[in-house]
Amino acid sequence: MMKKQTAGRDNLGEFAPKFAELNDDVLFGEVWSRKKEMPARDRSLITCAALMAQGAFPQLKAHMGMAKTNGVTKEEMVELITHLAFYCGWPKAWSAFDLAKEVYGE
């Protein structure tokens, strides 16, 4: 079972309470919990790919950590980044590799 997400409330609870609620309860509560429809590991791979494509690197780093927890190996993350380098851009791949090295170790 996935750990209850509180990042929304922790970071934006007082400033943007509805956004925090949607983040924690809907996105991470209802959507990510649909394991029968798609395992968390697959959701992590898809999410990391989407974040890399957007260049959303702070969020990518956090989701790489979740991906690791959800069973995505270092080798799989390296392959994901290598594959996406050709579709999303070489500089984004370099940035993503820096994050992956932090999350997965050298």
C-alpha atoms as a PDB file:
ATOM      1  CA  MET A   1       0.000   0.000   0.000  1.00  0.00           C
ATOM      2  CA  MET A   2       1.243   3.448  -0.921  1.00  0.00           C
ATOM      3  CA  LYS A   3       2.082   5.841   1.891  1.00  0.00           C
ATOM      4  CA  LYS A   4      -0.547   8.577   2.398  1.00  0.00           C
ATOM      5  CA  GLN A   5       0.570  11.662   0.510  1.00  0.00           C
ATOM      6  CA  THR A   6       0.652  14.906   2.486  1.00  0.00           C
ATOM      7  CA  ALA A   7       2.940  17.049   0.301  1.00  0.00           C
ATOM      8  CA  GLY A   8       0.051  19.260  -0.806  1.00  0.00           C
ATOM      9  CA  ARG A   9      -1.093  20.035   2.695  1.00  0.00           C
ATOM     10  CA  ASP A  10       2.468  20.270   4.003  1.00  0.00           C
ATOM     11  CA  ASN A  11       3.513  22.815   1.375  1.00  0.00           C
ATOM     12  CA  LEU A  12       0.313  24.599   0.353  1.00  0.00           C
ATOM     13  CA  GLY A  13      -2.300  23.686   2.949  1.00  0.00           C
ATOM     14  CA  GLU A  14      -2.798  27.197   4.284  1.00  0.00           C
ATOM     15  CA  PHE A  15      -1.988  29.095   1.083  1.00  0.00           C
ATOM     16  CA  ALA A  16      -3.994  27.004  -1.405  1.00  0.00           C
ATOM     17  CA  PRO A  17      -6.067  24.535   0.603  1.00  0.00           C
ATOM     18  CA  LYS A  18      -8.251  23.275  -2.269  1.00  0.00           C
ATOM     19  CA  PHE A  19      -5.223  22.577  -4.477  1.00  0.00           C
ATOM     20  CA  ALA A  20      -3.562  20.795  -1.543  1.00  0.00           C
ATOM     21  CA  GLU A  21      -6.689  18.687  -1.022  1.00  0.00           C
ATOM     22  CA  LEU A  22      -6.905  17.762  -4.717  1.00  0.00           C
ATOM     23  CA  ASN A  23      -3.211  16.857  -4.795  1.00  0.00           C
ATOM     24  CA  ASP A  24      -3.266  14.672  -1.701  1.00  0.00           C
ATOM     25  CA  ASP A  25      -6.746  13.165  -1.821  1.00  0.00           C
ATOM     26  CA  VAL A  26      -7.628  12.963  -5.507  1.00  0.00           C
ATOM     27  CA  LEU A  27      -4.355  12.635  -7.444  1.00  0.00           C
ATOM     28  CA  PHE A  28      -2.395  10.630  -4.882  1.00  0.00           C
ATOM     29  CA  GLY A  29      -5.393   9.210  -3.034  1.00  0.00           C
ATOM     30  CA  GLU A  30      -7.848   8.157  -5.719  1.00  0.00           C
ATOM     31  CA  VAL A  31      -5.819   8.025  -8.946  1.00  0.00           C
ATOM     32  CA  TRP A  32      -2.566   6.503  -7.695  1.00  0.00           C
ATOM     33  CA  SER A  33      -4.492   3.949  -5.606  1.00  0.00           C
ATOM     34  CA  ARG A  34      -6.073   2.330  -8.704  1.00  0.00           C
ATOM     35  CA  LYS A  35      -3.561  -0.531  -8.646  1.00  0.00           C
ATOM     36  CA  LYS A  36      -5.931  -3.017 -10.275  1.00  0.00           C
ATOM     37  CA  GLU A  37      -6.141  -0.805 -13.357  1.00  0.00           C
ATOM     38  CA  MET A  38      -2.393   0.018 -13.431  1.00  0.00           C
ATOM     39  CA  PRO A  39       0.364  -0.803 -10.943  1.00  0.00           C
ATOM     40  CA  ALA A  40       2.148   2.040  -9.144  1.00  0.00           C
ATOM     41  CA  ARG A  41       5.409   0.995 -10.833  1.00  0.00           C
ATOM     42  CA  ASP A  42       3.926   1.665 -14.276  1.00  0.00           C
ATOM     43  CA  ARG A  43       2.373   4.925 -13.101  1.00  0.00           C
ATOM     44  CA  SER A  44       5.794   5.976 -11.852  1.00  0.00           C
ATOM     45  CA  LEU A  45       7.437   5.282 -15.211  1.00  0.00           C
ATOM     46  CA  ILE A  46       4.735   7.227 -17.049  1.00  0.00           C
ATOM     47  CA  THR A  47       4.874  10.109 -14.600  1.00  0.00           C
ATOM     48  CA  CYS A  48       8.669  10.368 -14.798  1.00  0.00           C
ATOM     49  CA  ALA A  49       8.461  10.374 -18.596  1.00  0.00           C
ATOM     50  CA  ALA A  50       5.849  13.135 -18.602  1.00  0.00           C
ATOM     51  CA  LEU A  51       7.775  15.270 -16.119  1.00  0.00           C
ATOM     52  CA  MET A  52      11.019  14.883 -18.050  1.00  0.00           C
ATOM     53  CA  ALA A  53       9.236  15.844 -21.271  1.00  0.00           C
ATOM     54  CA  GLN A  54       7.993  19.022 -19.613  1.00  0.00           C
ATOM     55  CA  GLY A  55      11.323  19.824 -17.997  1.00  0.00           C
ATOM     56  CA  ALA A  56       9.642  19.796 -14.572  1.00  0.00           C
ATOM     57  CA  PHE A  57      12.823  18.753 -12.805  1.00  0.00           C
ATOM     58  CA  PRO A  58      11.951  19.458  -9.135  1.00  0.00           C
ATOM     59  CA  GLN A  59       8.857  17.274  -9.511  1.00  0.00           C
ATOM     60  CA  LEU A  60      10.827  14.727 -11.545  1.00  0.00           C
ATOM     61  CA  LYS A  61      13.313  14.254  -8.721  1.00  0.00           C
ATOM     62  CA  ALA A  62      10.505  13.622  -6.232  1.00  0.00           C
ATOM     63  CA  HIS A  63       8.826  11.163  -8.594  1.00  0.00           C
ATOM     64  CA  MET A  64      12.102   9.363  -9.262  1.00  0.00           C
ATOM     65  CA  GLY A  65      12.233   8.705  -5.530  1.00  0.00           C
ATOM     66  CA  MET A  66       8.694   7.351  -5.661  1.00  0.00           C
ATOM     67  CA  ALA A  67       9.610   5.286  -8.726  1.00  0.00           C
ATOM     68  CA  LYS A  68      12.508   3.732  -6.850  1.00  0.00           C
ATOM     69  CA  THR A  69      10.168   2.905  -3.964  1.00  0.00           C
ATOM     70  CA  ASN A  70       7.662   1.469  -6.465  1.00  0.00           C
ATOM     71  CA  GLY A  71      10.251  -0.940  -7.860  1.00  0.00           C
ATOM     72  CA  VAL A  72      11.705   0.934 -10.844  1.00  0.00           C
ATOM     73  CA  THR A  73      15.371  -0.048 -11.017  1.00  0.00           C
ATOM     74  CA  LYS A  74      18.301   2.232 -11.776  1.00  0.00           C
ATOM     75  CA  GLU A  75      18.766   0.425 -15.080  1.00  0.00           C
ATOM     76  CA  GLU A  76      15.135   1.009 -16.043  1.00  0.00           C
ATOM     77  CA  MET A  77      15.339   4.702 -15.139  1.00  0.00           C
ATOM     78  CA  VAL A  78      18.551   5.049 -17.179  1.00  0.00           C
ATOM     79  CA  GLU A  79      16.799   3.377 -20.116  1.00  0.00           C
ATOM     80  CA  LEU A  80      13.765   5.655 -19.755  1.00  0.00           C
ATOM     81  CA  ILE A  81      15.978   8.764 -19.845  1.00  0.00           C
ATOM     82  CA  THR A  82      18.098   7.460 -22.730  1.00  0.00           C
ATOM     83  CA  HIS A  83      15.003   6.647 -24.785  1.00  0.00           C
ATOM     84  CA  LEU A  84      13.374  10.004 -24.066  1.00  0.00           C
ATOM     85  CA  ALA A  85      16.537  11.938 -24.948  1.00  0.00           C
ATOM     86  CA  PHE A  86      15.610  11.469 -28.597  1.00  0.00           C
ATOM     87  CA  TYR A  87      12.008  12.588 -28.117  1.00  0.00           C
ATOM     88  CA  CYS A  88      12.321  15.276 -25.425  1.00  0.00           C
ATOM     89  CA  GLY A  89      15.778  16.699 -25.992  1.00  0.00           C
ATOM     90  CA  TRP A  90      19.368  15.985 -25.126  1.00  0.00           C
ATOM     91  CA  PRO A  91      19.676  18.775 -22.502  1.00  0.00           C
ATOM     92  CA  LYS A  92      16.638  17.442 -20.636  1.00  0.00           C
ATOM     93  CA  ALA A  93      18.248  14.003 -20.575  1.00  0.00           C
ATOM     94  CA  TRP A  94      21.446  15.441 -19.092  1.00  0.00           C
ATOM     95  CA  SER A  95      19.417  17.184 -16.395  1.00  0.00           C
ATOM     96  CA  ALA A  96      17.390  14.043 -15.712  1.00  0.00           C
ATOM     97  CA  PHE A  97      20.568  11.946 -15.407  1.00  0.00           C
ATOM     98  CA  ASP A  98      21.890  14.343 -12.766  1.00  0.00           C
ATOM     99  CA  LEU A  99      18.709  13.760 -10.760  1.00  0.00           C
ATOM    100  CA  ALA A 100      18.786   9.996 -11.296  1.00  0.00           C
ATOM    101  CA  LYS A 101      22.363   9.864 -10.004  1.00  0.00           C
ATOM    102  CA  GLU A 102      21.208  11.652  -6.837  1.00  0.00           C
ATOM    103  CA  VAL A 103      18.196   9.369  -6.358  1.00  0.00           C
ATOM    104  CA  TYR A 104      19.746   6.050  -7.382  1.00  0.00           C
ATOM    105  CA  GLY A 105      23.382   6.716  -6.515  1.00  0.00           C
ATOM    106  CA  GLU A 106      26.397   6.779  -8.808  1.00  0.00           C
END
